[in-house]
Amino acid sequence: MDNENQTVPAMFLNRSDFVLSALYSWIVENDGKPLVAVNTMIEGVTVTSDREVDDKGMITYNLSPQAVRNLIIQDGFVSFDASMSGVKRNISFPCVAVAVIFDQNSGYAEEVTNLGVQQWIMNQQRAAENKTKEAPKPAEKKAPFLTVIK
């Protein structure tokens, strides 16, 4: 995944929904406390000012049923309602931004999206931003002309 021009198959990017959903269900069914480590450098991740981001750009969310409401993991996104510092918020982020899901009770952890894939996504985002910044200048307008045909 080091090559910026290498493509990641869509099925690999889509697998994070299924992996995350399955591991989440498994942890909850076994009376665990699921937490996710989310890479804030991935486009689509919004961090509230009162949340802490570590020095690697990761933020941890507690997804236990006692901590969140209306949790949805589908169509490439995680979405839930939670109260943070007494303020109700809706949080959402792409599933590919989830690096790891872990059970706080048992210590079990499993990678959801490989950091190499996340790096590839960030490189693609930077390349798209650079293309937008370096948009070509519009061509100079030429005077209109007519050709008479008889």
C-alpha atoms as a PDB file:
ATOM      1  CA  MET A   1       0.000   0.000   0.000  1.00  0.00           C
ATOM      2  CA  ASP A   2       3.005   2.312  -0.093  1.00  0.00           C
ATOM      3  CA  ASN A   3       2.486   3.205  -3.733  1.00  0.00           C
ATOM      4  CA  GLU A   4       0.251   6.274  -3.981  1.00  0.00           C
ATOM      5  CA  ASN A   5      -0.985   5.245  -7.422  1.00  0.00           C
ATOM      6  CA  GLN A   6      -1.943   1.728  -6.372  1.00  0.00           C
ATOM      7  CA  THR A   7      -5.663   1.156  -6.318  1.00  0.00           C
ATOM      8  CA  VAL A   8      -7.521  -0.493  -3.485  1.00  0.00           C
ATOM      9  CA  PRO A   9     -10.343  -2.780  -4.633  1.00  0.00           C
ATOM     10  CA  ALA A  10     -13.782  -1.433  -3.694  1.00  0.00           C
ATOM     11  CA  MET A  11     -14.664  -4.714  -2.005  1.00  0.00           C
ATOM     12  CA  PHE A  12     -11.771  -4.205   0.438  1.00  0.00           C
ATOM     13  CA  LEU A  13     -12.971  -0.715   1.319  1.00  0.00           C
ATOM     14  CA  ASN A  14     -16.564  -1.966   1.743  1.00  0.00           C
ATOM     15  CA  ARG A  15     -15.540  -4.842   4.008  1.00  0.00           C
ATOM     16  CA  SER A  16     -15.018  -2.520   6.964  1.00  0.00           C
ATOM     17  CA  ASP A  17     -18.830  -2.172   7.406  1.00  0.00           C
ATOM     18  CA  PHE A  18     -19.246  -5.928   7.720  1.00  0.00           C
ATOM     19  CA  VAL A  19     -16.192  -6.496   9.897  1.00  0.00           C
ATOM     20  CA  LEU A  20     -17.061  -3.639  12.240  1.00  0.00           C
ATOM     21  CA  SER A  21     -20.726  -4.646  12.509  1.00  0.00           C
ATOM     22  CA  ALA A  22     -19.911  -8.311  13.164  1.00  0.00           C
ATOM     23  CA  LEU A  23     -17.239  -7.582  15.771  1.00  0.00           C
ATOM     24  CA  TYR A  24     -19.455  -5.007  17.477  1.00  0.00           C
ATOM     25  CA  SER A  25     -22.334  -7.510  17.747  1.00  0.00           C
ATOM     26  CA  TRP A  26     -20.002 -10.235  18.996  1.00  0.00           C
ATOM     27  CA  ILE A  27     -18.527  -8.009  21.721  1.00  0.00           C
ATOM     28  CA  VAL A  28     -21.976  -6.801  22.887  1.00  0.00           C
ATOM     29  CA  GLU A  29     -23.434 -10.328  22.879  1.00  0.00           C
ATOM     30  CA  ASN A  30     -20.583 -11.398  25.154  1.00  0.00           C
ATOM     31  CA  ASP A  31     -21.291  -8.573  27.628  1.00  0.00           C
ATOM     32  CA  GLY A  32     -18.292  -6.566  26.494  1.00  0.00           C
ATOM     33  CA  LYS A  33     -17.797  -2.804  26.192  1.00  0.00           C
ATOM     34  CA  PRO A  34     -16.953  -2.000  22.533  1.00  0.00           C
ATOM     35  CA  LEU A  35     -14.716   0.963  21.829  1.00  0.00           C
ATOM     36  CA  VAL A  36     -13.384   2.074  18.445  1.00  0.00           C
ATOM     37  CA  ALA A  37     -10.202   3.930  17.575  1.00  0.00           C
ATOM     38  CA  VAL A  38     -11.008   6.309  14.702  1.00  0.00           C
ATOM     39  CA  ASN A  39      -8.420   7.976  12.448  1.00  0.00           C
ATOM     40  CA  THR A  40      -9.359  11.689  12.408  1.00  0.00           C
ATOM     41  CA  MET A  41      -7.220  12.287   9.318  1.00  0.00           C
ATOM     42  CA  ILE A  42      -9.731  10.480   7.097  1.00  0.00           C
ATOM     43  CA  GLU A  43     -12.145  12.751   5.262  1.00  0.00           C
ATOM     44  CA  GLY A  44     -15.606  12.660   6.796  1.00  0.00           C
ATOM     45  CA  VAL A  45     -14.467  12.396  10.414  1.00  0.00           C
ATOM     46  CA  THR A  46     -15.608  15.376  12.459  1.00  0.00           C
ATOM     47  CA  VAL A  47     -14.183  15.875  15.917  1.00  0.00           C
ATOM     48  CA  THR A  48     -16.041  17.888  18.519  1.00  0.00           C
ATOM     49  CA  SER A  49     -13.903  20.376  20.398  1.00  0.00           C
ATOM     50  CA  ASP A  50     -14.428  18.634  23.715  1.00  0.00           C
ATOM     51  CA  ARG A  51     -13.032  15.287  22.506  1.00  0.00           C
ATOM     52  CA  GLU A  52      -9.398  14.324  22.773  1.00  0.00           C
ATOM     53  CA  VAL A  53      -7.352  13.326  19.761  1.00  0.00           C
ATOM     54  CA  ASP A  54      -4.068  11.559  20.481  1.00  0.00           C
ATOM     55  CA  ASP A  55      -0.710  12.415  18.917  1.00  0.00           C
ATOM     56  CA  LYS A  56      -1.331   9.888  16.108  1.00  0.00           C
ATOM     57  CA  GLY A  57      -4.596  11.586  15.100  1.00  0.00           C
ATOM     58  CA  MET A  58      -6.804   8.907  16.661  1.00  0.00           C
ATOM     59  CA  ILE A  59      -9.926   9.408  18.763  1.00  0.00           C
ATOM     60  CA  THR A  60     -11.678   6.713  20.796  1.00  0.00           C
ATOM     61  CA  TYR A  61     -15.456   6.387  20.988  1.00  0.00           C
ATOM     62  CA  ASN A  62     -17.353   4.170  23.411  1.00  0.00           C
ATOM     63  CA  LEU A  63     -20.049   2.400  21.352  1.00  0.00           C
ATOM     64  CA  SER A  64     -21.581   0.371  24.172  1.00  0.00           C
ATOM     65  CA  PRO A  65     -25.407   0.319  24.172  1.00  0.00           C
ATOM     66  CA  GLN A  66     -25.341   2.204  27.499  1.00  0.00           C
ATOM     67  CA  ALA A  67     -23.261   5.038  25.999  1.00  0.00           C
ATOM     68  CA  VAL A  68     -24.917   5.596  22.599  1.00  0.00           C
ATOM     69  CA  ARG A  69     -28.363   5.672  21.043  1.00  0.00           C
ATOM     70  CA  ASN A  70     -29.463   4.977  17.467  1.00  0.00           C
ATOM     71  CA  LEU A  71     -26.218   3.260  16.451  1.00  0.00           C
ATOM     72  CA  ILE A  72     -26.181   2.497  12.729  1.00  0.00           C
ATOM     73  CA  ILE A  73     -23.328   0.741  10.945  1.00  0.00           C
ATOM     74  CA  GLN A  74     -24.156   0.555   7.238  1.00  0.00           C
ATOM     75  CA  ASP A  75     -23.493   2.002   3.801  1.00  0.00           C
ATOM     76  CA  GLY A  76     -19.912   2.759   4.746  1.00  0.00           C
ATOM     77  CA  PHE A  77     -20.691   4.905   7.788  1.00  0.00           C
ATOM     78  CA  VAL A  78     -21.071   4.683  11.543  1.00  0.00           C
ATOM     79  CA  SER A  79     -23.639   7.020  13.058  1.00  0.00           C
ATOM     80  CA  PHE A  80     -24.892   7.398  16.619  1.00  0.00           C
ATOM     81  CA  ASP A  81     -26.268   9.846  19.161  1.00  0.00           C
ATOM     82  CA  ALA A  82     -24.353  10.420  22.380  1.00  0.00           C
ATOM     83  CA  SER A  83     -24.090  12.878  25.215  1.00  0.00           C
ATOM     84  CA  MET A  84     -20.610  14.382  25.509  1.00  0.00           C
ATOM     85  CA  SER A  85     -19.905  16.687  28.427  1.00  0.00           C
ATOM     86  CA  GLY A  86     -23.656  17.000  28.888  1.00  0.00           C
ATOM     87  CA  VAL A  87     -24.266  18.058  25.277  1.00  0.00           C
ATOM     88  CA  LYS A  88     -26.271  15.753  22.995  1.00  0.00           C
ATOM     89  CA  ARG A  89     -24.526  15.181  19.678  1.00  0.00           C
ATOM     90  CA  ASN A  90     -24.888  13.124  16.556  1.00  0.00           C
ATOM     91  CA  ILE A  91     -21.568  11.594  15.565  1.00  0.00           C
ATOM     92  CA  SER A  92     -20.841   9.969  12.216  1.00  0.00           C
ATOM     93  CA  PHE A  93     -17.733   8.850  10.379  1.00  0.00           C
ATOM     94  CA  PRO A  94     -16.754   6.505   7.555  1.00  0.00           C
ATOM     95  CA  CYS A  95     -16.208   2.871   8.544  1.00  0.00           C
ATOM     96  CA  VAL A  96     -12.800   2.942   6.823  1.00  0.00           C
ATOM     97  CA  ALA A  97     -11.715   5.511   9.428  1.00  0.00           C
ATOM     98  CA  VAL A  98     -12.063   2.858  12.160  1.00  0.00           C
ATOM     99  CA  ALA A  99      -8.629   1.375  12.680  1.00  0.00           C
ATOM    100  CA  VAL A 100      -9.436  -0.926  15.613  1.00  0.00           C
ATOM    101  CA  ILE A 101     -12.416  -2.126  17.620  1.00  0.00           C
ATOM    102  CA  PHE A 102     -11.681  -3.417  21.088  1.00  0.00           C
ATOM    103  CA  ASP A 103     -13.467  -4.707  24.149  1.00  0.00           C
ATOM    104  CA  GLN A 104     -12.521  -2.666  27.182  1.00  0.00           C
ATOM    105  CA  ASN A 105     -13.605  -5.454  29.531  1.00  0.00           C
ATOM    106  CA  SER A 106     -11.540  -8.303  28.065  1.00  0.00           C
ATOM    107  CA  GLY A 107      -8.798  -6.357  26.298  1.00  0.00           C
ATOM    108  CA  TYR A 108      -9.573  -8.125  23.008  1.00  0.00           C
ATOM    109  CA  ALA A 109      -8.807  -5.946  19.972  1.00  0.00           C
ATOM    110  CA  GLU A 110      -9.069  -6.471  16.248  1.00  0.00           C
ATOM    111  CA  GLU A 111      -8.050  -4.365  13.288  1.00  0.00           C
ATOM    112  CA  VAL A 112     -10.980  -3.175  11.180  1.00  0.00           C
ATOM    113  CA  THR A 113      -9.233  -1.142   8.488  1.00  0.00           C
ATOM    114  CA  ASN A 114      -5.551  -1.629   7.833  1.00  0.00           C
ATOM    115  CA  LEU A 115      -3.498   1.518   8.462  1.00  0.00           C
ATOM    116  CA  GLY A 116      -1.951   1.037   5.010  1.00  0.00           C
ATOM    117  CA  VAL A 117      -5.401   1.337   3.446  1.00  0.00           C
ATOM    118  CA  GLN A 118      -6.095   4.419   5.563  1.00  0.00           C
ATOM    119  CA  GLN A 119      -2.809   5.948   4.378  1.00  0.00           C
ATOM    120  CA  TRP A 120      -3.791   5.222   0.773  1.00  0.00           C
ATOM    121  CA  ILE A 121      -7.163   6.943   1.337  1.00  0.00           C
ATOM    122  CA  MET A 122      -5.454  10.008   2.849  1.00  0.00           C
ATOM    123  CA  ASN A 123      -3.044  10.161  -0.126  1.00  0.00           C
ATOM    124  CA  GLN A 124      -6.001  10.053  -2.527  1.00  0.00           C
ATOM    125  CA  GLN A 125      -7.715  12.842  -0.584  1.00  0.00           C
ATOM    126  CA  ARG A 126      -4.557  14.989  -0.704  1.00  0.00           C
ATOM    127  CA  ALA A 127      -4.194  14.372  -4.442  1.00  0.00           C
ATOM    128  CA  ALA A 128      -7.816  15.421  -5.009  1.00  0.00           C
ATOM    129  CA  GLU A 129      -7.298  18.571  -2.909  1.00  0.00           C
ATOM    130  CA  ASN A 130      -4.149  19.431  -4.865  1.00  0.00           C
ATOM    131  CA  LYS A 131      -5.987  19.004  -8.186  1.00  0.00           C
ATOM    132  CA  THR A 132      -8.681  21.352  -6.931  1.00  0.00           C
ATOM    133  CA  LYS A 133      -6.091  23.924  -5.841  1.00  0.00           C
ATOM    134  CA  GLU A 134      -4.212  23.652  -9.143  1.00  0.00           C
ATOM    135  CA  ALA A 135      -7.268  23.935 -11.374  1.00  0.00           C
ATOM    136  CA  PRO A 136      -6.315  25.027 -14.873  1.00  0.00           C
ATOM    137  CA  LYS A 137      -6.883  28.642 -15.753  1.00  0.00           C
ATOM    138  CA  PRO A 138      -9.738  29.212 -18.158  1.00  0.00           C
ATOM    139  CA  ALA A 139      -8.656  29.605 -21.768  1.00  0.00           C
ATOM    140  CA  GLU A 140      -8.447  33.136 -23.057  1.00  0.00           C
ATOM    141  CA  LYS A 141     -11.589  34.210 -24.812  1.00  0.00           C
ATOM    142  CA  LYS A 142     -11.152  34.792 -28.525  1.00  0.00           C
ATOM    143  CA  ALA A 143     -13.195  37.243 -30.464  1.00  0.00           C
ATOM    144  CA  PRO A 144     -16.163  35.570 -32.117  1.00  0.00           C
ATOM    145  CA  PHE A 145     -15.950  35.159 -35.863  1.00  0.00           C
ATOM    146  CA  LEU A 146     -18.283  34.303 -38.671  1.00  0.00           C
ATOM    147  CA  THR A 147     -17.511  32.706 -41.980  1.00  0.00           C
ATOM    148  CA  VAL A 148     -19.815  33.529 -44.841  1.00  0.00           C
ATOM    149  CA  ILE A 149     -20.627  30.485 -46.939  1.00  0.00           C
ATOM    150  CA  LYS A 150     -22.340  30.954 -50.339  1.00  0.00           C
END
